[in-house]
Amino acid sequence: MRTRLTDVLEVEHPVMLAGMGGVSYHEVVAAVSEAGGFGCLGASTMGTERMVEEIEAVTRRTDKPFGVDLLTAAPGDMLVQVQALIDHGSRVFVAGLGVPRDAVELCHRHNVLVVNMCGKVRHAIAAVEAGCDIVVAQGTEAGGHTGLIATMALVPQVVDAVGDRVPVVAAGGIVDGRGLAAALALGADGVWVGTRFIATPEAQAVSGYKDTLLQLAEDGTTISRGYTGKTCRVVANDYTRYWEQHPDELQPFPMQFLRSMEDGVNHLGRDADEPGIDPSREFFPAGQGVGAIDELVPAGELVRRFVAEAEAVVDRVAAMR
């Protein structure tokens, strides 16, 4: 399935793995890229040394393109990490929060593309004006840090605003090929998929995370500031309910993120053997599409399913003429 996105990224399929912090590590990234999609490391929970190790692990498993997602609002030396991802073979830098213009310039000097996550039309316009090569229009249905505008409303408006200049990728609530077909119908050039790829054997996850997603209904998530200080769609639980009842205690990012770690409810980046995980309080980012997920599926197979299902939808709709 060829679109502007596949041409720009030099991949076969317009399916991008979201660079989820604590989840999108080398195994799932390599599996998605090797299947013809675009894998993206979630480096927001990594130091520079660990990020480089993960990049090298990806390159040992595939020679296909992949990217690195950094939480640009996080404290630390952003340019050092961006230079490291450039030096070790990443084709794309994904700016998770905000548009760091100096990082954009650095990437372009080394022929590395820059992707920006956008929750509003004005964010997309600002990203393109700052030099970003691709924008992801992420609706509020998405898991993790997210905005308030729904995917169906946001994507075509972003397409109208910047789609004549850069590829637009749809995100939020997309869990199968029907979502890919819908995104293309809205004018997007591909999809950015997170929650569905958590429910794969290759994704990194603490104990209870994947099982929770498989059992969750479509109304089982909520937007909370309790874990990070920023609006974040997560599995609703006792911890999110505490912060609903005590909003006056919330602190801004990154202090609230540190608070959740001190409370023992934030173990993103740890593996399934990590002790002390309480699923009734743990930080489990998840999107509203989670209700459609009922089994673990290998990441490469998911990429192929997305494309086959989307093609079937396109054929069915075309037959209605």
C-alpha atoms as a PDB file:
ATOM      1  CA  MET A   1       0.000   0.000   0.000  1.00  0.00           C
ATOM      2  CA  ARG A   2       1.788   3.113  -1.265  1.00  0.00           C
ATOM      3  CA  THR A   3       1.190   6.654   0.015  1.00  0.00           C
ATOM      4  CA  ARG A   4       3.240   9.811   0.405  1.00  0.00           C
ATOM      5  CA  LEU A   5       4.244   8.506   3.820  1.00  0.00           C
ATOM      6  CA  THR A   6       5.695   5.266   2.479  1.00  0.00           C
ATOM      7  CA  ASP A   7       7.633   7.222  -0.141  1.00  0.00           C
ATOM      8  CA  VAL A   8       9.072   9.664   2.406  1.00  0.00           C
ATOM      9  CA  LEU A   9       9.954   6.976   4.957  1.00  0.00           C
ATOM     10  CA  GLU A  10      11.049   4.455   2.295  1.00  0.00           C
ATOM     11  CA  VAL A  11       8.873   1.668   3.703  1.00  0.00           C
ATOM     12  CA  GLU A  12       6.284  -0.685   2.223  1.00  0.00           C
ATOM     13  CA  HIS A  13       3.258   0.033   4.400  1.00  0.00           C
ATOM     14  CA  PRO A  14       1.817   3.249   5.927  1.00  0.00           C
ATOM     15  CA  VAL A  15       1.738   1.790   9.435  1.00  0.00           C
ATOM     16  CA  MET A  16       3.913   3.408  12.083  1.00  0.00           C
ATOM     17  CA  LEU A  17       4.586   1.965  15.528  1.00  0.00           C
ATOM     18  CA  ALA A  18       4.079   4.672  18.132  1.00  0.00           C
ATOM     19  CA  GLY A  19       7.276   5.418  20.043  1.00  0.00           C
ATOM     20  CA  MET A  20       5.778   4.526  23.406  1.00  0.00           C
ATOM     21  CA  GLY A  21       8.025   5.135  26.386  1.00  0.00           C
ATOM     22  CA  GLY A  22       8.593   1.956  28.361  1.00  0.00           C
ATOM     23  CA  VAL A  23       7.021  -0.228  25.661  1.00  0.00           C
ATOM     24  CA  SER A  24       8.510   0.348  22.197  1.00  0.00           C
ATOM     25  CA  TYR A  25      11.894  -1.257  22.675  1.00  0.00           C
ATOM     26  CA  HIS A  26      14.077  -3.023  20.117  1.00  0.00           C
ATOM     27  CA  GLU A  27      12.127  -6.279  19.724  1.00  0.00           C
ATOM     28  CA  VAL A  28       8.814  -4.743  18.689  1.00  0.00           C
ATOM     29  CA  VAL A  29      10.502  -1.940  16.727  1.00  0.00           C
ATOM     30  CA  ALA A  30      12.540  -4.374  14.647  1.00  0.00           C
ATOM     31  CA  ALA A  31       9.523  -6.637  14.101  1.00  0.00           C
ATOM     32  CA  VAL A  32       7.385  -3.779  12.758  1.00  0.00           C
ATOM     33  CA  SER A  33      10.116  -2.425  10.482  1.00  0.00           C
ATOM     34  CA  GLU A  34      11.044  -5.867   9.203  1.00  0.00           C
ATOM     35  CA  ALA A  35       7.382  -6.453   8.270  1.00  0.00           C
ATOM     36  CA  GLY A  36       7.402  -3.343   6.094  1.00  0.00           C
ATOM     37  CA  GLY A  37       5.978  -0.868   8.585  1.00  0.00           C
ATOM     38  CA  PHE A  38       7.914   1.824  10.425  1.00  0.00           C
ATOM     39  CA  GLY A  39       9.152   0.986  13.910  1.00  0.00           C
ATOM     40  CA  CYS A  40       9.865   3.737  16.417  1.00  0.00           C
ATOM     41  CA  LEU A  41      11.767   3.392  19.683  1.00  0.00           C
ATOM     42  CA  GLY A  42      10.180   5.024  22.704  1.00  0.00           C
ATOM     43  CA  ALA A  43      13.187   6.605  24.385  1.00  0.00           C
ATOM     44  CA  SER A  44      11.426   8.909  26.827  1.00  0.00           C
ATOM     45  CA  THR A  45      12.231   6.603  29.758  1.00  0.00           C
ATOM     46  CA  MET A  46      15.809   5.927  28.617  1.00  0.00           C
ATOM     47  CA  GLY A  47      19.096   7.613  29.296  1.00  0.00           C
ATOM     48  CA  THR A  48      21.393   8.225  26.334  1.00  0.00           C
ATOM     49  CA  GLU A  49      23.444   5.066  26.941  1.00  0.00           C
ATOM     50  CA  ARG A  50      20.374   2.818  27.061  1.00  0.00           C
ATOM     51  CA  MET A  51      18.923   4.541  23.994  1.00  0.00           C
ATOM     52  CA  VAL A  52      22.093   3.812  22.016  1.00  0.00           C
ATOM     53  CA  GLU A  53      22.018   0.173  23.152  1.00  0.00           C
ATOM     54  CA  GLU A  54      18.426  -0.122  21.946  1.00  0.00           C
ATOM     55  CA  ILE A  55      19.223   1.505  18.598  1.00  0.00           C
ATOM     56  CA  GLU A  56      22.113  -0.898  18.080  1.00  0.00           C
ATOM     57  CA  ALA A  57      19.867  -3.832  18.997  1.00  0.00           C
ATOM     58  CA  VAL A  58      17.394  -2.748  16.303  1.00  0.00           C
ATOM     59  CA  THR A  59      20.102  -2.459  13.652  1.00  0.00           C
ATOM     60  CA  ARG A  60      21.307  -5.966  14.471  1.00  0.00           C
ATOM     61  CA  ARG A  61      17.807  -7.306  13.761  1.00  0.00           C
ATOM     62  CA  THR A  62      16.845  -5.350  10.654  1.00  0.00           C
ATOM     63  CA  ASP A  63      18.300  -3.076   8.007  1.00  0.00           C
ATOM     64  CA  LYS A  64      14.909  -1.406   7.463  1.00  0.00           C
ATOM     65  CA  PRO A  65      14.239   2.234   8.474  1.00  0.00           C
ATOM     66  CA  PHE A  66      13.200   3.096  12.032  1.00  0.00           C
ATOM     67  CA  GLY A  67      12.974   6.153  14.269  1.00  0.00           C
ATOM     68  CA  VAL A  68      13.388   7.338  17.867  1.00  0.00           C
ATOM     69  CA  ASP A  69      10.760   9.200  19.894  1.00  0.00           C
ATOM     70  CA  LEU A  70      12.011  11.545  22.610  1.00  0.00           C
ATOM     71  CA  LEU A  71       9.836  13.397  25.092  1.00  0.00           C
ATOM     72  CA  THR A  72      11.063  16.874  24.233  1.00  0.00           C
ATOM     73  CA  ALA A  73       9.485  18.387  27.337  1.00  0.00           C
ATOM     74  CA  ALA A  74      11.645  16.205  29.579  1.00  0.00           C
ATOM     75  CA  PRO A  75      14.610  17.791  31.355  1.00  0.00           C
ATOM     76  CA  GLY A  76      18.084  16.912  30.115  1.00  0.00           C
ATOM     77  CA  ASP A  77      20.345  17.548  27.161  1.00  0.00           C
ATOM     78  CA  MET A  78      18.040  17.018  24.197  1.00  0.00           C
ATOM     79  CA  LEU A  79      20.660  17.789  21.564  1.00  0.00           C
ATOM     80  CA  VAL A  80      23.041  15.175  22.977  1.00  0.00           C
ATOM     81  CA  GLN A  81      20.374  12.517  22.584  1.00  0.00           C
ATOM     82  CA  VAL A  82      19.402  13.724  19.116  1.00  0.00           C
ATOM     83  CA  GLN A  83      23.045  13.640  18.019  1.00  0.00           C
ATOM     84  CA  ALA A  84      23.333  10.109  19.417  1.00  0.00           C
ATOM     85  CA  LEU A  85      20.308   8.837  17.498  1.00  0.00           C
ATOM     86  CA  ILE A  86      21.726  10.421  14.337  1.00  0.00           C
ATOM     87  CA  ASP A  87      25.161   8.885  14.878  1.00  0.00           C
ATOM     88  CA  HIS A  88      23.770   5.391  15.414  1.00  0.00           C
ATOM     89  CA  GLY A  89      21.512   5.084  12.384  1.00  0.00           C
ATOM     90  CA  SER A  90      18.020   6.335  13.196  1.00  0.00           C
ATOM     91  CA  ARG A  91      16.289   7.704  10.095  1.00  0.00           C
ATOM     92  CA  VAL A  92      13.711   9.753  12.016  1.00  0.00           C
ATOM     93  CA  PHE A  93      13.489  11.840  15.178  1.00  0.00           C
ATOM     94  CA  VAL A  94      10.001  12.070  16.670  1.00  0.00           C
ATOM     95  CA  ALA A  95       9.394  15.093  18.904  1.00  0.00           C
ATOM     96  CA  GLY A  96       6.871  13.925  21.481  1.00  0.00           C
ATOM     97  CA  LEU A  97       5.995  17.245  23.117  1.00  0.00           C
ATOM     98  CA  GLY A  98       6.880  20.549  21.524  1.00  0.00           C
ATOM     99  CA  VAL A  99       9.028  21.511  18.528  1.00  0.00           C
ATOM    100  CA  PRO A 100      12.730  21.961  19.364  1.00  0.00           C
ATOM    101  CA  ARG A 101      13.927  24.115  16.452  1.00  0.00           C
ATOM    102  CA  ASP A 102      17.620  23.553  17.174  1.00  0.00           C
ATOM    103  CA  ALA A 103      17.032  19.785  17.057  1.00  0.00           C
ATOM    104  CA  VAL A 104      15.179  20.125  13.752  1.00  0.00           C
ATOM    105  CA  GLU A 105      18.114  21.996  12.256  1.00  0.00           C
ATOM    106  CA  LEU A 106      20.565  19.401  13.601  1.00  0.00           C
ATOM    107  CA  CYS A 107      18.558  16.537  12.102  1.00  0.00           C
ATOM    108  CA  HIS A 108      18.237  18.191   8.701  1.00  0.00           C
ATOM    109  CA  ARG A 109      22.005  18.764   8.535  1.00  0.00           C
ATOM    110  CA  HIS A 110      22.335  14.970   8.729  1.00  0.00           C
ATOM    111  CA  ASN A 111      19.394  14.067   6.460  1.00  0.00           C
ATOM    112  CA  VAL A 112      17.287  12.804   9.359  1.00  0.00           C
ATOM    113  CA  LEU A 113      13.545  13.443   9.152  1.00  0.00           C
ATOM    114  CA  VAL A 114      11.612  15.087  11.977  1.00  0.00           C
ATOM    115  CA  VAL A 115       8.090  14.051  13.007  1.00  0.00           C
ATOM    116  CA  ASN A 116       5.968  16.051  15.421  1.00  0.00           C
ATOM    117  CA  MET A 117       2.977  14.952  17.495  1.00  0.00           C
ATOM    118  CA  CYS A 118       0.051  17.394  17.232  1.00  0.00           C
ATOM    119  CA  GLY A 119      -3.215  17.563  19.144  1.00  0.00           C
ATOM    120  CA  LYS A 120      -4.469  20.799  17.585  1.00  0.00           C
ATOM    121  CA  VAL A 121      -4.400  22.395  14.145  1.00  0.00           C
ATOM    122  CA  ARG A 122      -2.245  25.264  15.385  1.00  0.00           C
ATOM    123  CA  HIS A 123       0.302  22.773  16.690  1.00  0.00           C
ATOM    124  CA  ALA A 124       0.566  21.244  13.221  1.00  0.00           C
ATOM    125  CA  ILE A 125       0.988  24.629  11.558  1.00  0.00           C
ATOM    126  CA  ALA A 126       3.710  25.580  14.031  1.00  0.00           C
ATOM    127  CA  ALA A 127       5.471  22.251  13.487  1.00  0.00           C
ATOM    128  CA  VAL A 128       5.569  22.669   9.713  1.00  0.00           C
ATOM    129  CA  GLU A 129       6.752  26.258  10.022  1.00  0.00           C
ATOM    130  CA  ALA A 130       9.540  25.012  12.300  1.00  0.00           C
ATOM    131  CA  GLY A 131      10.659  22.610   9.585  1.00  0.00           C
ATOM    132  CA  CYS A 132       9.068  19.304  10.613  1.00  0.00           C
ATOM    133  CA  ASP A 133       8.764  16.836   7.742  1.00  0.00           C
ATOM    134  CA  ILE A 134       5.735  14.842   8.938  1.00  0.00           C
ATOM    135  CA  VAL A 135       2.991  15.625  11.437  1.00  0.00           C
ATOM    136  CA  VAL A 136       0.967  13.132  13.445  1.00  0.00           C
ATOM    137  CA  ALA A 137      -2.568  14.348  14.141  1.00  0.00           C
ATOM    138  CA  GLN A 138      -3.336  12.566  17.400  1.00  0.00           C
ATOM    139  CA  GLY A 139      -6.899  12.509  18.650  1.00  0.00           C
ATOM    140  CA  THR A 140      -7.933  12.341  22.278  1.00  0.00           C
ATOM    141  CA  GLU A 141      -8.779   8.635  21.895  1.00  0.00           C
ATOM    142  CA  ALA A 142      -5.057   7.881  21.936  1.00  0.00           C
ATOM    143  CA  GLY A 143      -3.297   6.363  24.918  1.00  0.00           C
ATOM    144  CA  GLY A 144      -0.522   8.244  26.699  1.00  0.00           C
ATOM    145  CA  HIS A 145      -0.103  12.006  26.522  1.00  0.00           C
ATOM    146  CA  THR A 146      -2.979  13.327  24.472  1.00  0.00           C
ATOM    147  CA  GLY A 147      -5.205  16.314  23.801  1.00  0.00           C
ATOM    148  CA  LEU A 148      -8.957  16.893  23.799  1.00  0.00           C
ATOM    149  CA  ILE A 149      -9.933  16.864  20.090  1.00  0.00           C
ATOM    150  CA  ALA A 150     -11.248  13.611  18.622  1.00  0.00           C
ATOM    151  CA  THR A 151      -9.424  11.868  15.788  1.00  0.00           C
ATOM    152  CA  MET A 152     -12.346  12.043  13.347  1.00  0.00           C
ATOM    153  CA  ALA A 153     -12.576  15.814  13.816  1.00  0.00           C
ATOM    154  CA  LEU A 154      -8.858  16.568  14.067  1.00  0.00           C
ATOM    155  CA  VAL A 155      -7.360  14.667  11.142  1.00  0.00           C
ATOM    156  CA  PRO A 156      -9.210  16.330   8.233  1.00  0.00           C
ATOM    157  CA  GLN A 157      -8.672  19.762   9.750  1.00  0.00           C
ATOM    158  CA  VAL A 158      -4.927  19.134  10.020  1.00  0.00           C
ATOM    159  CA  VAL A 159      -4.925  17.760   6.469  1.00  0.00           C
ATOM    160  CA  ASP A 160      -6.619  20.955   5.253  1.00  0.00           C
ATOM    161  CA  ALA A 161      -4.120  23.103   7.131  1.00  0.00           C
ATOM    162  CA  VAL A 162      -0.797  21.455   6.252  1.00  0.00           C
ATOM    163  CA  GLY A 163      -1.460  18.430   4.059  1.00  0.00           C
ATOM    164  CA  ASP A 164      -0.354  20.270   0.929  1.00  0.00           C
ATOM    165  CA  ARG A 165       3.113  20.679   2.469  1.00  0.00           C
ATOM    166  CA  VAL A 166       3.827  17.517   4.474  1.00  0.00           C
ATOM    167  CA  PRO A 167       2.387  14.021   4.970  1.00  0.00           C
ATOM    168  CA  VAL A 168      -0.188  13.812   7.766  1.00  0.00           C
ATOM    169  CA  VAL A 169      -0.452  10.672   9.897  1.00  0.00           C
ATOM    170  CA  ALA A 170      -3.588   9.835  11.891  1.00  0.00           C
ATOM    171  CA  ALA A 171      -3.448   8.583  15.479  1.00  0.00           C
ATOM    172  CA  GLY A 172      -5.907   7.831  18.267  1.00  0.00           C
ATOM    173  CA  GLY A 173      -8.207   4.833  18.594  1.00  0.00           C
ATOM    174  CA  ILE A 174      -6.780   3.030  15.541  1.00  0.00           C
ATOM    175  CA  VAL A 175      -6.442  -0.692  16.177  1.00  0.00           C
ATOM    176  CA  ASP A 176      -7.024  -2.433  12.833  1.00  0.00           C
ATOM    177  CA  GLY A 177      -7.204  -2.027   9.069  1.00  0.00           C
ATOM    178  CA  ARG A 178     -10.597  -0.353   9.244  1.00  0.00           C
ATOM    179  CA  GLY A 179      -8.909   2.484  11.100  1.00  0.00           C
ATOM    180  CA  LEU A 180      -6.206   2.689   8.434  1.00  0.00           C
ATOM    181  CA  ALA A 181      -8.837   2.844   5.673  1.00  0.00           C
ATOM    182  CA  ALA A 182     -10.753   5.515   7.587  1.00  0.00           C
ATOM    183  CA  ALA A 183      -7.578   7.560   8.065  1.00  0.00           C
ATOM    184  CA  LEU A 184      -6.850   7.435   4.340  1.00  0.00           C
ATOM    185  CA  ALA A 185     -10.431   8.487   3.624  1.00  0.00           C
ATOM    186  CA  LEU A 186      -9.936  11.516   5.883  1.00  0.00           C
ATOM    187  CA  GLY A 187      -6.926  12.530   3.806  1.00  0.00           C
ATOM    188  CA  ALA A 188      -4.157  11.152   6.004  1.00  0.00           C
ATOM    189  CA  ASP A 189      -1.178   9.343   4.511  1.00  0.00           C
ATOM    190  CA  GLY A 190      -0.909   6.626   7.156  1.00  0.00           C
ATOM    191  CA  VAL A 191      -1.461   5.708  10.790  1.00  0.00           C
ATOM    192  CA  TRP A 192       0.461   5.909  14.063  1.00  0.00           C
ATOM    193  CA  VAL A 193      -0.543   2.967  16.257  1.00  0.00           C
ATOM    194  CA  GLY A 194       0.225   2.510  19.930  1.00  0.00           C
ATOM    195  CA  THR A 195      -2.124   0.503  22.144  1.00  0.00           C
ATOM    196  CA  ARG A 196      -2.632  -2.319  19.638  1.00  0.00           C
ATOM    197  CA  PHE A 197       1.114  -2.937  19.508  1.00  0.00           C
ATOM    198  CA  ILE A 198       1.349  -3.176  23.297  1.00  0.00           C
ATOM    199  CA  ALA A 199      -0.690  -6.372  22.996  1.00  0.00           C
ATOM    200  CA  THR A 200       2.069  -8.199  21.122  1.00  0.00           C
ATOM    201  CA  PRO A 201       4.598 -10.758  22.352  1.00  0.00           C
ATOM    202  CA  GLU A 202       7.466  -8.443  21.394  1.00  0.00           C
ATOM    203  CA  ALA A 203       6.384  -5.326  23.301  1.00  0.00           C
ATOM    204  CA  GLN A 204       8.065  -4.633  26.628  1.00  0.00           C
ATOM    205  CA  ALA A 205       5.602  -4.453  29.496  1.00  0.00           C
ATOM    206  CA  VAL A 206       5.480  -4.950  33.232  1.00  0.00           C
ATOM    207  CA  SER A 207       3.461  -7.775  34.733  1.00  0.00           C
ATOM    208  CA  GLY A 208      -0.284  -7.343  34.313  1.00  0.00           C
ATOM    209  CA  TYR A 209      -0.151  -4.647  31.605  1.00  0.00           C
ATOM    210  CA  LYS A 210      -0.987  -6.802  28.592  1.00  0.00           C
ATOM    211  CA  ASP A 211      -3.528  -8.895  30.510  1.00  0.00           C
ATOM    212  CA  THR A 212      -5.271  -5.707  31.651  1.00  0.00           C
ATOM    213  CA  LEU A 213      -5.581  -4.466  28.070  1.00  0.00           C
ATOM    214  CA  LEU A 214      -7.047  -7.759  26.868  1.00  0.00           C
ATOM    215  CA  GLN A 215      -9.769  -7.569  29.504  1.00  0.00           C
ATOM    216  CA  LEU A 216     -10.552  -3.857  29.260  1.00  0.00           C
ATOM    217  CA  ALA A 217     -13.739  -2.446  27.714  1.00  0.00           C
ATOM    218  CA  GLU A 218     -13.866   0.643  25.514  1.00  0.00           C
ATOM    219  CA  ASP A 219     -14.864   2.795  28.513  1.00  0.00           C
ATOM    220  CA  GLY A 220     -12.064   1.525  30.742  1.00  0.00           C
ATOM    221  CA  THR A 221      -9.686   4.442  30.197  1.00  0.00           C
ATOM    222  CA  THR A 222      -9.574   7.983  31.519  1.00  0.00           C
ATOM    223  CA  ILE A 223      -7.522  11.127  31.021  1.00  0.00           C
ATOM    224  CA  SER A 224      -5.501  11.820  34.148  1.00  0.00           C
ATOM    225  CA  ARG A 225      -2.668  14.097  35.237  1.00  0.00           C
ATOM    226  CA  GLY A 226      -1.913  11.815  38.168  1.00  0.00           C
ATOM    227  CA  TYR A 227       1.037   9.966  36.676  1.00  0.00           C
ATOM    228  CA  THR A 228       2.942  12.710  34.843  1.00  0.00           C
ATOM    229  CA  GLY A 229       1.349  16.090  35.504  1.00  0.00           C
ATOM    230  CA  LYS A 230       0.216  16.253  31.872  1.00  0.00           C
ATOM    231  CA  THR A 231      -3.058  15.008  30.375  1.00  0.00           C
ATOM    232  CA  CYS A 232      -2.486  11.321  29.783  1.00  0.00           C
ATOM    233  CA  ARG A 233      -5.001   8.645  28.763  1.00  0.00           C
ATOM    234  CA  VAL A 234      -4.492   5.606  30.970  1.00  0.00           C
ATOM    235  CA  VAL A 235      -6.364   2.629  32.373  1.00  0.00           C
ATOM    236  CA  ALA A 236      -8.789   3.978  34.982  1.00  0.00           C
ATOM    237  CA  ASN A 237      -7.924   2.618  38.430  1.00  0.00           C
ATOM    238  CA  ASP A 238      -7.656   3.433  42.121  1.00  0.00           C
ATOM    239  CA  TYR A 239      -4.745   5.809  41.551  1.00  0.00           C
ATOM    240  CA  THR A 240      -6.510   7.867  38.870  1.00  0.00           C
ATOM    241  CA  ARG A 241      -9.600   8.043  41.085  1.00  0.00           C
ATOM    242  CA  TYR A 242      -7.496   9.388  43.951  1.00  0.00           C
ATOM    243  CA  TRP A 243      -6.353  12.305  41.805  1.00  0.00           C
ATOM    244  CA  GLU A 244      -9.887  12.970  40.602  1.00  0.00           C
ATOM    245  CA  GLN A 245     -10.793  13.469  44.252  1.00  0.00           C
ATOM    246  CA  HIS A 246      -7.627  15.448  45.156  1.00  0.00           C
ATOM    247  CA  PRO A 247      -6.834  17.704  42.159  1.00  0.00           C
ATOM    248  CA  ASP A 248      -5.412  20.370  44.465  1.00  0.00           C
ATOM    249  CA  GLU A 249      -2.454  18.083  45.188  1.00  0.00           C
ATOM    250  CA  LEU A 250      -1.404  17.713  41.539  1.00  0.00           C
ATOM    251  CA  GLN A 251       1.995  19.075  40.547  1.00  0.00           C
ATOM    252  CA  PRO A 252       3.265  20.041  37.072  1.00  0.00           C
ATOM    253  CA  PHE A 253       5.513  17.834  34.953  1.00  0.00           C
ATOM    254  CA  PRO A 254       8.052  16.488  35.824  1.00  0.00           C
ATOM    255  CA  MET A 255       7.355  16.687  39.576  1.00  0.00           C
ATOM    256  CA  GLN A 256       4.150  14.679  39.277  1.00  0.00           C
ATOM    257  CA  PHE A 257       5.980  12.040  37.255  1.00  0.00           C
ATOM    258  CA  LEU A 258       8.497  11.724  40.091  1.00  0.00           C
ATOM    259  CA  ARG A 259       5.629  11.589  42.598  1.00  0.00           C
ATOM    260  CA  SER A 260       4.081   8.597  40.830  1.00  0.00           C
ATOM    261  CA  MET A 261       7.451   6.843  40.863  1.00  0.00           C
ATOM    262  CA  GLU A 262       7.834   7.544  44.575  1.00  0.00           C
ATOM    263  CA  ASP A 263       4.329   6.157  45.126  1.00  0.00           C
ATOM    264  CA  GLY A 264       5.444   2.911  43.502  1.00  0.00           C
ATOM    265  CA  VAL A 265       2.897   3.052  40.685  1.00  0.00           C
ATOM    266  CA  ASN A 266       5.082   4.044  37.725  1.00  0.00           C
ATOM    267  CA  HIS A 267       7.328   1.280  36.405  1.00  0.00           C
ATOM    268  CA  LEU A 268       7.376   2.152  32.696  1.00  0.00           C
ATOM    269  CA  GLY A 269      10.495   0.752  31.073  1.00  0.00           C
ATOM    270  CA  ARG A 270      10.774  -2.231  33.389  1.00  0.00           C
ATOM    271  CA  ASP A 271      10.190  -5.767  32.160  1.00  0.00           C
ATOM    272  CA  ALA A 272       7.720  -8.494  33.077  1.00  0.00           C
ATOM    273  CA  ASP A 273       9.927  -9.720  35.939  1.00  0.00           C
ATOM    274  CA  GLU A 274       9.771  -6.417  37.838  1.00  0.00           C
ATOM    275  CA  PRO A 275       8.420  -7.078  41.357  1.00  0.00           C
ATOM    276  CA  GLY A 276       5.892  -4.949  43.225  1.00  0.00           C
ATOM    277  CA  ILE A 277       3.470  -4.234  40.384  1.00  0.00           C
ATOM    278  CA  ASP A 278      -0.078  -3.525  41.581  1.00  0.00           C
ATOM    279  CA  PRO A 279      -2.398  -3.525  38.529  1.00  0.00           C
ATOM    280  CA  SER A 280      -5.062  -1.676  40.515  1.00  0.00           C
ATOM    281  CA  ARG A 281      -2.774   1.380  40.757  1.00  0.00           C
ATOM    282  CA  GLU A 282      -0.087   0.975  38.085  1.00  0.00           C
ATOM    283  CA  PHE A 283       0.588   3.409  35.210  1.00  0.00           C
ATOM    284  CA  PHE A 284      -0.904   1.656  32.167  1.00  0.00           C
ATOM    285  CA  PRO A 285      -1.300   4.093  29.225  1.00  0.00           C
ATOM    286  CA  ALA A 286      -4.025   2.887  26.857  1.00  0.00           C
ATOM    287  CA  GLY A 287      -6.280   4.281  24.144  1.00  0.00           C
ATOM    288  CA  GLN A 288     -10.028   3.918  23.709  1.00  0.00           C
ATOM    289  CA  GLY A 289      -9.589   1.343  20.954  1.00  0.00           C
ATOM    290  CA  VAL A 290      -8.508  -1.099  23.652  1.00  0.00           C
ATOM    291  CA  GLY A 291     -11.996  -2.640  23.805  1.00  0.00           C
ATOM    292  CA  ALA A 292     -11.394  -4.199  20.394  1.00  0.00           C
ATOM    293  CA  ILE A 293      -8.243  -6.025  21.514  1.00  0.00           C
ATOM    294  CA  ASP A 294      -8.759  -9.568  22.760  1.00  0.00           C
ATOM    295  CA  GLU A 295      -5.563 -11.433  21.880  1.00  0.00           C
ATOM    296  CA  LEU A 296      -1.800 -11.050  21.631  1.00  0.00           C
ATOM    297  CA  VAL A 297      -0.694 -11.003  17.995  1.00  0.00           C
ATOM    298  CA  PRO A 298       2.918 -10.867  16.747  1.00  0.00           C
ATOM    299  CA  ALA A 299       3.825  -7.346  15.650  1.00  0.00           C
ATOM    300  CA  GLY A 300       4.784  -8.297  12.109  1.00  0.00           C
ATOM    301  CA  GLU A 301       1.502 -10.121  11.643  1.00  0.00           C
ATOM    302  CA  LEU A 302      -0.356  -7.046  12.883  1.00  0.00           C
ATOM    303  CA  VAL A 303       1.277  -4.884  10.202  1.00  0.00           C
ATOM    304  CA  ARG A 304       0.205  -7.346   7.516  1.00  0.00           C
ATOM    305  CA  ARG A 305      -3.326  -7.524   8.935  1.00  0.00           C
ATOM    306  CA  PHE A 306      -3.646  -3.742   8.961  1.00  0.00           C
ATOM    307  CA  VAL A 307      -2.850  -3.564   5.269  1.00  0.00           C
ATOM    308  CA  ALA A 308      -4.958  -6.551   4.204  1.00  0.00           C
ATOM    309  CA  GLU A 309      -7.975  -5.327   6.169  1.00  0.00           C
ATOM    310  CA  ALA A 310      -7.623  -1.792   4.820  1.00  0.00           C
ATOM    311  CA  GLU A 311      -7.403  -3.035   1.255  1.00  0.00           C
ATOM    312  CA  ALA A 312     -10.543  -5.123   1.800  1.00  0.00           C
ATOM    313  CA  VAL A 313     -12.404  -2.052   3.087  1.00  0.00           C
ATOM    314  CA  VAL A 314     -11.266   0.057   0.145  1.00  0.00           C
ATOM    315  CA  ASP A 315     -12.411  -2.656  -2.280  1.00  0.00           C
ATOM    316  CA  ARG A 316     -15.783  -2.971  -0.530  1.00  0.00           C
ATOM    317  CA  VAL A 317     -16.398   0.751  -0.617  1.00  0.00           C
ATOM    318  CA  ALA A 318     -15.319   1.002  -4.249  1.00  0.00           C
ATOM    319  CA  ALA A 319     -17.823  -1.731  -5.141  1.00  0.00           C
ATOM    320  CA  MET A 320     -20.664   0.476  -3.848  1.00  0.00           C
ATOM    321  CA  ARG A 321     -20.351   2.886  -6.772  1.00  0.00           C
END
